[in-house]
C-alpha atoms as a PDB file:
ATOM      1  CA  MET A   1     321.411 163.980-110.637  1.00  0.00           C
ATOM      2  CA  SER A   2     323.914 162.506-113.015  1.00  0.00           C
ATOM      3  CA  SER A   3     327.865 161.392-111.835  1.00  0.00           C
ATOM      4  CA  GLN A   4     329.060 163.520-114.435  1.00  0.00           C
ATOM      5  CA  GLU A   5     329.256 167.434-114.176  1.00  0.00           C
ATOM      6  CA  PHE A   6     329.271 169.733-117.106  1.00  0.00           C
ATOM      7  CA  VAL A   7     330.781 173.073-116.892  1.00  0.00           C
ATOM      8  CA  ILE A   8     330.249 175.951-119.056  1.00  0.00           C
ATOM      9  CA  LEU A   9     333.794 176.940-121.802  1.00  0.00           C
ATOM     10  CA  ILE A  10     333.802 180.552-122.162  1.00  0.00           C
ATOM     11  CA  ASP A  11     336.253 183.457-123.611  1.00  0.00           C
ATOM     12  CA  LYS A  12     337.054 186.602-121.699  1.00  0.00           C
ATOM     13  CA  GLN A  13     333.987 187.964-122.515  1.00  0.00           C
ATOM     14  CA  ASP A  14     331.568 185.501-120.790  1.00  0.00           C
ATOM     15  CA  GLN A  15     330.443 184.103-124.314  1.00  0.00           C
ATOM     16  CA  GLU A  16     329.950 180.620-124.088  1.00  0.00           C
ATOM     17  CA  ILE A  17     332.220 178.265-126.246  1.00  0.00           C
ATOM     18  CA  GLY A  18     331.028 174.769-125.404  1.00  0.00           C
ATOM     19  CA  ILE A  19     330.896 172.620-122.416  1.00  0.00           C
ATOM     20  CA  MET A  20     333.288 170.200-120.773  1.00  0.00           C
ATOM     21  CA  GLU A  21     333.188 167.439-118.209  1.00  0.00           C
ATOM     22  CA  LYS A  22     333.725 169.526-115.123  1.00  0.00           C
ATOM     23  CA  MET A  23     337.467 167.293-113.983  1.00  0.00           C
ATOM     24  CA  GLU A  24     338.645 167.545-117.757  1.00  0.00           C
ATOM     25  CA  ALA A  25     338.047 171.065-117.713  1.00  0.00           C
ATOM     26  CA  HIS A  26     339.603 171.718-114.315  1.00  0.00           C
ATOM     27  CA  GLU A  27     342.567 169.071-115.565  1.00  0.00           C
ATOM     28  CA  LYS A  28     343.125 171.045-118.558  1.00  0.00           C
ATOM     29  CA  GLY A  29     342.857 174.752-117.258  1.00  0.00           C
ATOM     30  CA  LEU A  30     340.599 175.983-119.418  1.00  0.00           C
ATOM     31  CA  LEU A  31     338.445 178.662-118.433  1.00  0.00           C
ATOM     32  CA  HIS A  32     334.649 178.361-117.956  1.00  0.00           C
ATOM     33  CA  ARG A  33     331.766 180.228-115.990  1.00  0.00           C
ATOM     34  CA  ALA A  34     331.932 180.444-111.879  1.00  0.00           C
ATOM     35  CA  PHE A  35     330.049 181.747-109.475  1.00  0.00           C
ATOM     36  CA  SER A  36     331.116 182.966-105.670  1.00  0.00           C
ATOM     37  CA  LEU A  37     328.399 183.922-103.324  1.00  0.00           C
ATOM     38  CA  PHE A  38     329.037 185.799-100.055  1.00  0.00           C
ATOM     39  CA  VAL A  39     326.166 185.620 -97.148  1.00  0.00           C
ATOM     40  CA  PHE A  40     326.478 187.709 -94.425  1.00  0.00           C
ATOM     41  CA  ASN A  41     324.057 188.213 -91.350  1.00  0.00           C
ATOM     42  CA  ASP A  42     322.818 190.678 -89.978  1.00  0.00           C
ATOM     43  CA  LYS A  43     326.080 191.963 -87.562  1.00  0.00           C
ATOM     44  CA  GLN A  44     327.921 192.093 -90.989  1.00  0.00           C
ATOM     45  CA  GLU A  45     329.622 189.029 -90.532  1.00  0.00           C
ATOM     46  CA  MET A  46     330.833 186.478 -92.911  1.00  0.00           C
ATOM     47  CA  LEU A  47     329.220 183.258 -93.431  1.00  0.00           C
ATOM     48  CA  LEU A  48     332.180 180.706 -94.242  1.00  0.00           C
ATOM     49  CA  GLN A  49     332.268 177.154 -94.715  1.00  0.00           C
ATOM     50  CA  ARG A  50     334.995 174.817 -94.654  1.00  0.00           C
ATOM     51  CA  ARG A  51     334.833 172.333 -97.659  1.00  0.00           C
ATOM     52  CA  ALA A  52     334.266 168.387 -96.940  1.00  0.00           C
ATOM     53  CA  LEU A  53     337.270 166.789 -96.435  1.00  0.00           C
ATOM     54  CA  THR A  54     336.305 164.155 -99.579  1.00  0.00           C
ATOM     55  CA  LYS A  55     336.201 167.426-102.269  1.00  0.00           C
ATOM     56  CA  TYR A  56     338.209 166.432-105.177  1.00  0.00           C
ATOM     57  CA  HIS A  57     340.237 169.991-104.268  1.00  0.00           C
ATOM     58  CA  SER A  58     340.655 171.938-101.856  1.00  0.00           C
ATOM     59  CA  GLY A  59     339.147 169.924 -99.323  1.00  0.00           C
ATOM     60  CA  GLY A  60     339.077 171.116 -95.684  1.00  0.00           C
ATOM     61  CA  LEU A  61     339.937 174.484 -96.327  1.00  0.00           C
ATOM     62  CA  TRP A  62     337.941 177.436 -95.704  1.00  0.00           C
ATOM     63  CA  THR A  63     335.933 179.351 -97.891  1.00  0.00           C
ATOM     64  CA  ASN A  64     332.935 181.497 -99.076  1.00  0.00           C
ATOM     65  CA  THR A  65     329.639 180.339 -97.993  1.00  0.00           C
ATOM     66  CA  CYS A  66     329.102 178.770-101.341  1.00  0.00           C
ATOM     67  CA  CYS A  67     330.925 178.581-104.902  1.00  0.00           C
ATOM     68  CA  SER A  68     330.238 175.963-107.932  1.00  0.00           C
ATOM     69  CA  HIS A  69     329.191 176.064-111.541  1.00  0.00           C
ATOM     70  CA  PRO A  70     326.172 176.730-113.505  1.00  0.00           C
ATOM     71  CA  ARG A  71     325.490 174.026-115.350  1.00  0.00           C
ATOM     72  CA  PRO A  72     324.787 174.219-119.327  1.00  0.00           C
ATOM     73  CA  GLY A  73     321.415 176.383-120.080  1.00  0.00           C
ATOM     74  CA  GLU A  74     321.159 177.427-116.736  1.00  0.00           C
ATOM     75  CA  ILE A  75     320.755 180.948-115.514  1.00  0.00           C
ATOM     76  CA  LEU A  76     322.872 181.496-113.047  1.00  0.00           C
ATOM     77  CA  THR A  77     321.057 183.436-110.123  1.00  0.00           C
ATOM     78  CA  ASP A  78     319.057 179.760-110.285  1.00  0.00           C
ATOM     79  CA  ALA A  79     322.143 177.692-109.996  1.00  0.00           C
ATOM     80  CA  VAL A  80     323.175 179.838-107.299  1.00  0.00           C
ATOM     81  CA  LYS A  81     320.040 179.301-105.630  1.00  0.00           C
ATOM     82  CA  ARG A  82     320.428 175.692-105.928  1.00  0.00           C
ATOM     83  CA  ARG A  83     323.847 175.493-105.105  1.00  0.00           C
ATOM     84  CA  VAL A  84     323.177 177.564-101.628  1.00  0.00           C
ATOM     85  CA  GLN A  85     320.349 175.127-101.031  1.00  0.00           C
ATOM     86  CA  GLU A  86     322.814 171.848-102.159  1.00  0.00           C
ATOM     87  CA  GLU A  87     325.929 172.909 -99.639  1.00  0.00           C
ATOM     88  CA  MET A  88     324.266 174.973 -96.833  1.00  0.00           C
ATOM     89  CA  GLY A  89     320.738 173.847 -96.867  1.00  0.00           C
ATOM     90  CA  PHE A  90     319.060 177.371 -96.830  1.00  0.00           C
ATOM     91  CA  SER A  91     317.418 179.636 -99.380  1.00  0.00           C
ATOM     92  CA  CYS A  92     318.398 183.068 -99.550  1.00  0.00           C
ATOM     93  CA  THR A  93     318.153 185.683-102.651  1.00  0.00           C
ATOM     94  CA  PRO A  94     321.700 186.509-104.197  1.00  0.00           C
ATOM     95  CA  LYS A  95     322.325 189.430-105.812  1.00  0.00           C
ATOM     96  CA  THR A  96     325.437 190.447-108.370  1.00  0.00           C
ATOM     97  CA  SER A  97     327.826 192.109-107.796  1.00  0.00           C
ATOM     98  CA  PHE A  98     331.207 192.037-110.044  1.00  0.00           C
ATOM     99  CA  SER A  99     333.311 189.305-112.104  1.00  0.00           C
ATOM    100  CA  PHE A 100     337.100 188.346-112.267  1.00  0.00           C
ATOM    101  CA  ILE A 101     339.239 186.003-114.135  1.00  0.00           C
ATOM    102  CA  TYR A 102     341.748 183.787-111.887  1.00  0.00           C
ATOM    103  CA  ARG A 103     343.879 181.380-112.432  1.00  0.00           C
ATOM    104  CA  ALA A 104     344.996 178.691-109.616  1.00  0.00           C
ATOM    105  CA  GLU A 105     347.172 175.710-109.198  1.00  0.00           C
ATOM    106  CA  LEU A 106     345.790 173.192-107.260  1.00  0.00           C
ATOM    107  CA  GLU A 107     346.491 169.966-105.684  1.00  0.00           C
ATOM    108  CA  HIS A 108     346.054 167.094-107.674  1.00  0.00           C
ATOM    109  CA  ASN A 109     347.733 168.934-111.099  1.00  0.00           C
ATOM    110  CA  LEU A 110     344.202 170.450-110.912  1.00  0.00           C
ATOM    111  CA  VAL A 111     343.939 174.720-112.130  1.00  0.00           C
ATOM    112  CA  GLU A 112     340.972 176.860-111.451  1.00  0.00           C
ATOM    113  CA  HIS A 113     340.680 178.783-114.386  1.00  0.00           C
ATOM    114  CA  GLU A 114     337.247 180.722-113.982  1.00  0.00           C
ATOM    115  CA  LEU A 115     335.506 184.066-114.576  1.00  0.00           C
ATOM    116  CA  ASP A 116     333.718 183.988-111.485  1.00  0.00           C
ATOM    117  CA  HIS A 117     330.762 185.794-110.858  1.00  0.00           C
ATOM    118  CA  VAL A 118     330.453 186.996-106.902  1.00  0.00           C
ATOM    119  CA  PHE A 119     327.072 187.020-105.530  1.00  0.00           C
ATOM    120  CA  PHE A 120     325.683 188.740-102.295  1.00  0.00           C
ATOM    121  CA  ALA A 121     323.200 187.674 -99.975  1.00  0.00           C
ATOM    122  CA  THR A 122     321.857 187.963 -96.613  1.00  0.00           C
ATOM    123  CA  TYR A 123     320.963 185.171 -93.669  1.00  0.00           C
ATOM    124  CA  ASN A 124     320.806 185.008 -90.038  1.00  0.00           C
ATOM    125  CA  ASP A 125     320.263 181.602 -88.915  1.00  0.00           C
ATOM    126  CA  ALA A 126     322.291 178.718 -88.817  1.00  0.00           C
ATOM    127  CA  PRO A 127     322.687 176.377 -91.907  1.00  0.00           C
ATOM    128  CA  ASN A 128     321.873 172.810 -92.098  1.00  0.00           C
ATOM    129  CA  ILE A 129     325.094 171.402 -93.975  1.00  0.00           C
ATOM    130  CA  ASN A 130     325.509 169.020 -96.168  1.00  0.00           C
ATOM    131  CA  ILE A 131     328.188 167.084 -95.400  1.00  0.00           C
ATOM    132  CA  GLU A 132     329.456 165.840 -98.425  1.00  0.00           C
ATOM    133  CA  GLU A 133     330.170 168.755 -98.966  1.00  0.00           C
ATOM    134  CA  VAL A 134     330.943 170.570 -95.826  1.00  0.00           C
ATOM    135  CA  CYS A 135     332.238 169.943 -92.518  1.00  0.00           C
ATOM    136  CA  GLU A 136     332.495 173.455 -90.886  1.00  0.00           C
ATOM    137  CA  TRP A 137     330.350 176.346 -90.819  1.00  0.00           C
ATOM    138  CA  LYS A 138     330.814 179.666 -89.066  1.00  0.00           C
ATOM    139  CA  TYR A 139     329.841 183.427 -89.436  1.00  0.00           C
ATOM    140  CA  VAL A 140     333.322 185.591 -88.614  1.00  0.00           C
ATOM    141  CA  GLY A 141     333.585 189.267 -88.639  1.00  0.00           C
ATOM    142  CA  ILE A 142     335.998 190.751 -91.386  1.00  0.00           C
ATOM    143  CA  ASP A 143     338.619 191.981 -89.662  1.00  0.00           C
ATOM    144  CA  ALA A 144     339.270 188.448 -87.883  1.00  0.00           C
ATOM    145  CA  ILE A 145     338.886 186.712 -90.982  1.00  0.00           C
ATOM    146  CA  ARG A 146     341.667 189.162 -92.233  1.00  0.00           C
ATOM    147  CA  GLN A 147     343.898 188.516 -89.609  1.00  0.00           C
ATOM    148  CA  GLU A 148     343.557 184.144 -90.027  1.00  0.00           C
ATOM    149  CA  MET A 149     344.286 185.031 -93.765  1.00  0.00           C
ATOM    150  CA  GLN A 150     347.491 186.813 -92.961  1.00  0.00           C
ATOM    151  CA  GLU A 151     348.414 184.559 -90.190  1.00  0.00           C
ATOM    152  CA  LYS A 152     347.471 181.013 -91.719  1.00  0.00           C
ATOM    153  CA  PRO A 153     347.321 181.722 -95.142  1.00  0.00           C
ATOM    154  CA  ALA A 154     347.404 177.352 -95.603  1.00  0.00           C
ATOM    155  CA  LEU A 155     343.733 177.340 -94.459  1.00  0.00           C
ATOM    156  CA  PHE A 156     341.774 179.022 -96.863  1.00  0.00           C
ATOM    157  CA  THR A 157     340.846 178.445-100.715  1.00  0.00           C
ATOM    158  CA  ALA A 158     343.033 179.867-103.651  1.00  0.00           C
ATOM    159  CA  TRP A 159     340.012 181.749-104.882  1.00  0.00           C
ATOM    160  CA  PHE A 160     339.122 183.158-101.025  1.00  0.00           C
ATOM    161  CA  LYS A 161     342.452 184.373-100.693  1.00  0.00           C
ATOM    162  CA  ILE A 162     341.943 186.123-104.309  1.00  0.00           C
ATOM    163  CA  VAL A 163     338.843 187.751-103.882  1.00  0.00           C
ATOM    164  CA  PHE A 164     338.677 188.664-100.496  1.00  0.00           C
ATOM    165  CA  GLU A 165     339.770 192.792-100.582  1.00  0.00           C
ATOM    166  CA  ASP A 166     337.823 192.699-103.684  1.00  0.00           C
ATOM    167  CA  VAL A 167     334.979 191.287-102.339  1.00  0.00           C
ATOM    168  CA  MET A 168     335.242 193.689 -99.039  1.00  0.00           C
ATOM    169  CA  LYS A 169     335.433 197.014-101.637  1.00  0.00           C
ATOM    170  CA  HIS A 170     332.354 196.733-103.674  1.00  0.00           C
ATOM    171  CA  PHE A 171     330.508 195.183-100.103  1.00  0.00           C
ATOM    172  CA  GLU A 172     331.951 198.564 -98.459  1.00  0.00           C
ATOM    173  CA  GLN A 173     330.191 200.421-101.613  1.00  0.00           C
ATOM    174  CA  ILE A 174     326.844 198.997-101.081  1.00  0.00           C
ATOM    175  CA  GLU A 175     324.338 199.616 -98.518  1.00  0.00           C
ATOM    176  CA  PHE A 176     324.119 196.347 -96.134  1.00  0.00           C
ATOM    177  CA  ALA A 177     320.369 196.523 -97.054  1.00  0.00           C
ATOM    178  CA  ALA A 178     320.323 196.502-100.504  1.00  0.00           C
ATOM    179  CA  ILE A 179     321.430 192.432-100.281  1.00  0.00           C
ATOM    180  CA  GLU A 180     318.871 192.103 -97.580  1.00  0.00           C
ATOM    181  CA  SER A 181     316.701 188.952 -99.170  1.00  0.00           C
END
């Protein structure tokens, strides 16, 4: 794998307008395509990961199961499958749900400005985490996540705090069995 990663620059309608090296896009705060995967077990607990401390931003913070960027020319669902395998060490069948645009200023003068495609999937086992990407994981009930985010918001990534309630609204509107892999 190349040490340089590229993201797909887009307009607000998700139309590709170019590509750019990932760090440069985050330094300039340019809108790019991204995805977030939310995995639930049969108890309807969400699988959270704590980002590795060495990540270029948001290291050590809790977030959804997996999030990243598709590579130029890569089908979005394939990118989700690739990245969950790389980070969490398992396969699943992601189902698309909704998308949203957000902008968040992060440490090191970086900006996340993404059109984020949200996916759901199910998985019941322990992940086989890649310690270069993830330092900890846990399945957590929704009420416990809400409470911890209220009491200790600094423990969670910016995008997770932004999208959590929308994820819950969409999740409640679909049948749980519909996302089973």
